[in-house]
Amino acid sequence: MIAVAHNPYYELEYDRTKNRVYFRINNYWKSPEVVPAYFSDWNKVIDIAQPGFTLLADLRNMITHPTSVKEMHHKVANRLAESRISYVAEVSPTDRIAVLQVSGVFKVIGLGSIKVADIVLGENILDQLSNSKL
């Protein structure tokens, strides 16, 4: 596992064996200033991932973002849309407004996301989808 970012706000890792990116939101982001390396961290992980990579997003702890932070997520989603991502599995936020924000962001990618109840289920579904492409 390659750790790209571990800070109080998010974690971003890449598993070369599974060609999978792992993303977890940890806390409330009051503004873009609390996560200054967010976009560059995503660029790093996308650059090391192989074409056809999958993304497992753990968004359970996400709280409704201000507009400025939502715009950052859209910028990352646009970058993901340009990459060669194949599948996204998402453990949805418990915050209802955040759920709507996430849905809008993942639509930008053009894939939507597979909503799962927990990380283990997301991992299993992405493994099956990845293996079916072989």
C-alpha atoms as a PDB file:
ATOM      1  CA  MET A   1       0.000   0.000   0.000  1.00  0.00           C
ATOM      2  CA  ILE A   2       1.332   3.414  -0.976  1.00  0.00           C
ATOM      3  CA  ALA A   3       0.236   6.174   1.390  1.00  0.00           C
ATOM      4  CA  VAL A   4      -0.171   9.395  -0.588  1.00  0.00           C
ATOM      5  CA  ALA A   5      -1.822  11.448   2.156  1.00  0.00           C
ATOM      6  CA  HIS A   6      -2.682  10.935   5.830  1.00  0.00           C
ATOM      7  CA  ASN A   7      -3.848  14.012   7.667  1.00  0.00           C
ATOM      8  CA  PRO A   8      -6.684  14.927  10.041  1.00  0.00           C
ATOM      9  CA  TYR A   9      -9.023  15.591   7.097  1.00  0.00           C
ATOM     10  CA  TYR A  10      -8.523  12.754   4.641  1.00  0.00           C
ATOM     11  CA  GLU A  11      -6.524   9.672   3.722  1.00  0.00           C
ATOM     12  CA  LEU A  12      -5.528   8.718   0.203  1.00  0.00           C
ATOM     13  CA  GLU A  13      -3.752   5.445  -0.581  1.00  0.00           C
ATOM     14  CA  TYR A  14      -3.020   3.243  -3.553  1.00  0.00           C
ATOM     15  CA  ASP A  15      -2.788  -0.550  -3.631  1.00  0.00           C
ATOM     16  CA  ARG A  16      -0.647  -1.519  -6.602  1.00  0.00           C
ATOM     17  CA  THR A  17      -1.672  -5.191  -6.386  1.00  0.00           C
ATOM     18  CA  LYS A  18      -5.374  -4.429  -6.753  1.00  0.00           C
ATOM     19  CA  ASN A  19      -4.861  -1.241  -8.781  1.00  0.00           C
ATOM     20  CA  ARG A  20      -7.185   0.439  -6.309  1.00  0.00           C
ATOM     21  CA  VAL A  21      -7.295   3.913  -4.804  1.00  0.00           C
ATOM     22  CA  TYR A  22      -8.634   4.255  -1.266  1.00  0.00           C
ATOM     23  CA  PHE A  23     -10.060   7.569  -0.123  1.00  0.00           C
ATOM     24  CA  ARG A  24     -11.454   8.397   3.308  1.00  0.00           C
ATOM     25  CA  ILE A  25     -12.816  11.687   4.604  1.00  0.00           C
ATOM     26  CA  ASN A  26     -12.148  12.042   8.322  1.00  0.00           C
ATOM     27  CA  ASN A  27     -13.449  15.408   9.504  1.00  0.00           C
ATOM     28  CA  TYR A  28     -15.365  18.538   8.629  1.00  0.00           C
ATOM     29  CA  TRP A  29     -13.613  20.792   6.082  1.00  0.00           C
ATOM     30  CA  LYS A  30     -14.564  24.374   6.836  1.00  0.00           C
ATOM     31  CA  SER A  31     -12.665  25.763   3.838  1.00  0.00           C
ATOM     32  CA  PRO A  32     -10.154  24.797   1.116  1.00  0.00           C
ATOM     33  CA  GLU A  33      -7.394  26.254   3.296  1.00  0.00           C
ATOM     34  CA  VAL A  34      -7.569  23.280   5.699  1.00  0.00           C
ATOM     35  CA  VAL A  35      -6.680  20.893   2.834  1.00  0.00           C
ATOM     36  CA  PRO A  36      -4.169  22.827   0.700  1.00  0.00           C
ATOM     37  CA  ALA A  37      -2.605  19.711  -0.887  1.00  0.00           C
ATOM     38  CA  TYR A  38      -5.916  18.005  -1.729  1.00  0.00           C
ATOM     39  CA  PHE A  39      -5.776  18.393  -5.497  1.00  0.00           C
ATOM     40  CA  SER A  40      -2.046  17.709  -5.752  1.00  0.00           C
ATOM     41  CA  ASP A  41      -2.477  14.553  -3.635  1.00  0.00           C
ATOM     42  CA  TRP A  42      -5.170  13.337  -6.024  1.00  0.00           C
ATOM     43  CA  ASN A  43      -2.911  14.093  -8.972  1.00  0.00           C
ATOM     44  CA  LYS A  44      -0.153  12.019  -7.363  1.00  0.00           C
ATOM     45  CA  VAL A  45      -2.373   9.002  -6.788  1.00  0.00           C
ATOM     46  CA  ILE A  46      -3.949   9.180 -10.255  1.00  0.00           C
ATOM     47  CA  ASP A  47      -0.498   9.433 -11.823  1.00  0.00           C
ATOM     48  CA  ILE A  48       0.726   6.237 -10.114  1.00  0.00           C
ATOM     49  CA  ALA A  49      -2.474   4.255 -10.695  1.00  0.00           C
ATOM     50  CA  GLN A  50      -2.648   2.046 -13.752  1.00  0.00           C
ATOM     51  CA  PRO A  51      -5.408   2.509 -16.363  1.00  0.00           C
ATOM     52  CA  GLY A  52      -8.618   0.803 -15.273  1.00  0.00           C
ATOM     53  CA  PHE A  53      -8.036   1.493 -11.568  1.00  0.00           C
ATOM     54  CA  THR A  54     -10.909   1.331  -9.106  1.00  0.00           C
ATOM     55  CA  LEU A  55     -11.778   3.705  -6.268  1.00  0.00           C
ATOM     56  CA  LEU A  56     -13.159   2.783  -2.858  1.00  0.00           C
ATOM     57  CA  ALA A  57     -14.404   5.953  -1.139  1.00  0.00           C
ATOM     58  CA  ASP A  58     -15.219   5.866   2.576  1.00  0.00           C
ATOM     59  CA  LEU A  59     -17.375   8.935   3.071  1.00  0.00           C
ATOM     60  CA  ARG A  60     -19.176   7.949   6.277  1.00  0.00           C
ATOM     61  CA  ASN A  61     -17.636  10.830   8.227  1.00  0.00           C
ATOM     62  CA  MET A  62     -18.292  13.480   5.603  1.00  0.00           C
ATOM     63  CA  ILE A  63     -20.373  16.427   6.785  1.00  0.00           C
ATOM     64  CA  THR A  64     -22.088  18.922   4.481  1.00  0.00           C
ATOM     65  CA  HIS A  65     -19.396  21.067   2.886  1.00  0.00           C
ATOM     66  CA  PRO A  66     -19.415  24.762   2.155  1.00  0.00           C
ATOM     67  CA  THR A  67     -19.611  25.642  -1.558  1.00  0.00           C
ATOM     68  CA  SER A  68     -15.874  26.364  -1.788  1.00  0.00           C
ATOM     69  CA  VAL A  69     -15.044  22.830  -0.620  1.00  0.00           C
ATOM     70  CA  LYS A  70     -17.661  21.276  -2.888  1.00  0.00           C
ATOM     71  CA  GLU A  71     -15.940  23.009  -5.812  1.00  0.00           C
ATOM     72  CA  MET A  72     -12.684  21.268  -4.831  1.00  0.00           C
ATOM     73  CA  HIS A  73     -14.419  17.888  -4.995  1.00  0.00           C
ATOM     74  CA  HIS A  74     -15.764  18.747  -8.449  1.00  0.00           C
ATOM     75  CA  LYS A  75     -12.255  19.625  -9.593  1.00  0.00           C
ATOM     76  CA  VAL A  76     -11.037  16.198  -8.423  1.00  0.00           C
ATOM     77  CA  ALA A  77     -14.044  14.525 -10.076  1.00  0.00           C
ATOM     78  CA  ASN A  78     -13.159  16.227 -13.356  1.00  0.00           C
ATOM     79  CA  ARG A  79      -9.601  14.930 -13.013  1.00  0.00           C
ATOM     80  CA  LEU A  80     -10.933  11.427 -12.311  1.00  0.00           C
ATOM     81  CA  ALA A  81     -13.191  11.685 -15.363  1.00  0.00           C
ATOM     82  CA  GLU A  82     -10.102  12.401 -17.485  1.00  0.00           C
ATOM     83  CA  SER A  83      -8.256   9.440 -15.995  1.00  0.00           C
ATOM     84  CA  ARG A  84      -8.888   5.819 -16.853  1.00  0.00           C
ATOM     85  CA  ILE A  85     -10.942   4.937 -13.777  1.00  0.00           C
ATOM     86  CA  SER A  86     -13.185   1.910 -14.207  1.00  0.00           C
ATOM     87  CA  TYR A  87     -15.370   1.619 -11.069  1.00  0.00           C
ATOM     88  CA  VAL A  88     -16.189   3.590  -7.938  1.00  0.00           C
ATOM     89  CA  ALA A  89     -17.633   2.077  -4.763  1.00  0.00           C
ATOM     90  CA  GLU A  90     -18.809   4.488  -2.106  1.00  0.00           C
ATOM     91  CA  VAL A  91     -19.718   4.047   1.545  1.00  0.00           C
ATOM     92  CA  SER A  92     -22.167   6.942   1.723  1.00  0.00           C
ATOM     93  CA  PRO A  93     -22.126   9.711   4.301  1.00  0.00           C
ATOM     94  CA  THR A  94     -24.629   9.592   7.143  1.00  0.00           C
ATOM     95  CA  ASP A  95     -25.287  13.334   6.721  1.00  0.00           C
ATOM     96  CA  ARG A  96     -28.223  13.626   4.284  1.00  0.00           C
ATOM     97  CA  ILE A  97     -27.079  16.840   2.597  1.00  0.00           C
ATOM     98  CA  ALA A  98     -23.603  15.366   2.172  1.00  0.00           C
ATOM     99  CA  VAL A  99     -25.185  12.396   0.378  1.00  0.00           C
ATOM    100  CA  LEU A 100     -26.642  14.796  -2.186  1.00  0.00           C
ATOM    101  CA  GLN A 101     -23.315  16.578  -2.552  1.00  0.00           C
ATOM    102  CA  VAL A 102     -21.488  13.293  -3.170  1.00  0.00           C
ATOM    103  CA  SER A 103     -24.041  12.177  -5.764  1.00  0.00           C
ATOM    104  CA  GLY A 104     -23.490  15.355  -7.725  1.00  0.00           C
ATOM    105  CA  VAL A 105     -19.732  14.973  -7.604  1.00  0.00           C
ATOM    106  CA  PHE A 106     -19.676  11.347  -8.763  1.00  0.00           C
ATOM    107  CA  LYS A 107     -22.002  12.136 -11.679  1.00  0.00           C
ATOM    108  CA  VAL A 108     -19.189  14.335 -13.041  1.00  0.00           C
ATOM    109  CA  ILE A 109     -17.028  11.227 -13.462  1.00  0.00           C
ATOM    110  CA  GLY A 110     -19.662   9.757 -15.738  1.00  0.00           C
ATOM    111  CA  LEU A 111     -19.746   6.419 -13.986  1.00  0.00           C
ATOM    112  CA  GLY A 112     -21.865   7.125 -10.962  1.00  0.00           C
ATOM    113  CA  SER A 113     -20.877   5.064  -7.982  1.00  0.00           C
ATOM    114  CA  ILE A 114     -21.834   1.761  -6.475  1.00  0.00           C
ATOM    115  CA  LYS A 115     -23.291   2.566  -3.064  1.00  0.00           C
ATOM    116  CA  VAL A 116     -22.316   0.001  -0.445  1.00  0.00           C
ATOM    117  CA  ALA A 117     -23.101  -0.450   3.242  1.00  0.00           C
ATOM    118  CA  ASP A 118     -19.511  -0.933   4.358  1.00  0.00           C
ATOM    119  CA  ILE A 119     -15.890  -1.118   3.264  1.00  0.00           C
ATOM    120  CA  VAL A 120     -15.766  -4.922   3.137  1.00  0.00           C
ATOM    121  CA  LEU A 121     -18.710  -5.113   0.752  1.00  0.00           C
ATOM    122  CA  GLY A 122     -17.205  -2.365  -1.418  1.00  0.00           C
ATOM    123  CA  GLU A 123     -13.908  -4.202  -1.519  1.00  0.00           C
ATOM    124  CA  ASN A 124     -15.601  -7.472  -2.519  1.00  0.00           C
ATOM    125  CA  ILE A 125     -17.715  -5.880  -5.256  1.00  0.00           C
ATOM    126  CA  LEU A 126     -14.743  -4.030  -6.749  1.00  0.00           C
ATOM    127  CA  ASP A 127     -12.683  -7.245  -6.631  1.00  0.00           C
ATOM    128  CA  GLN A 128     -15.402  -9.122  -8.521  1.00  0.00           C
ATOM    129  CA  LEU A 129     -15.832  -6.370 -11.103  1.00  0.00           C
ATOM    130  CA  SER A 130     -12.066  -6.129 -11.617  1.00  0.00           C
ATOM    131  CA  ASN A 131     -11.732  -9.898 -12.029  1.00  0.00           C
ATOM    132  CA  SER A 132     -14.598 -10.037 -14.507  1.00  0.00           C
ATOM    133  CA  LYS A 133     -12.660  -7.692 -16.802  1.00  0.00           C
ATOM    134  CA  LEU A 134      -9.689 -10.055 -17.030  1.00  0.00           C
END
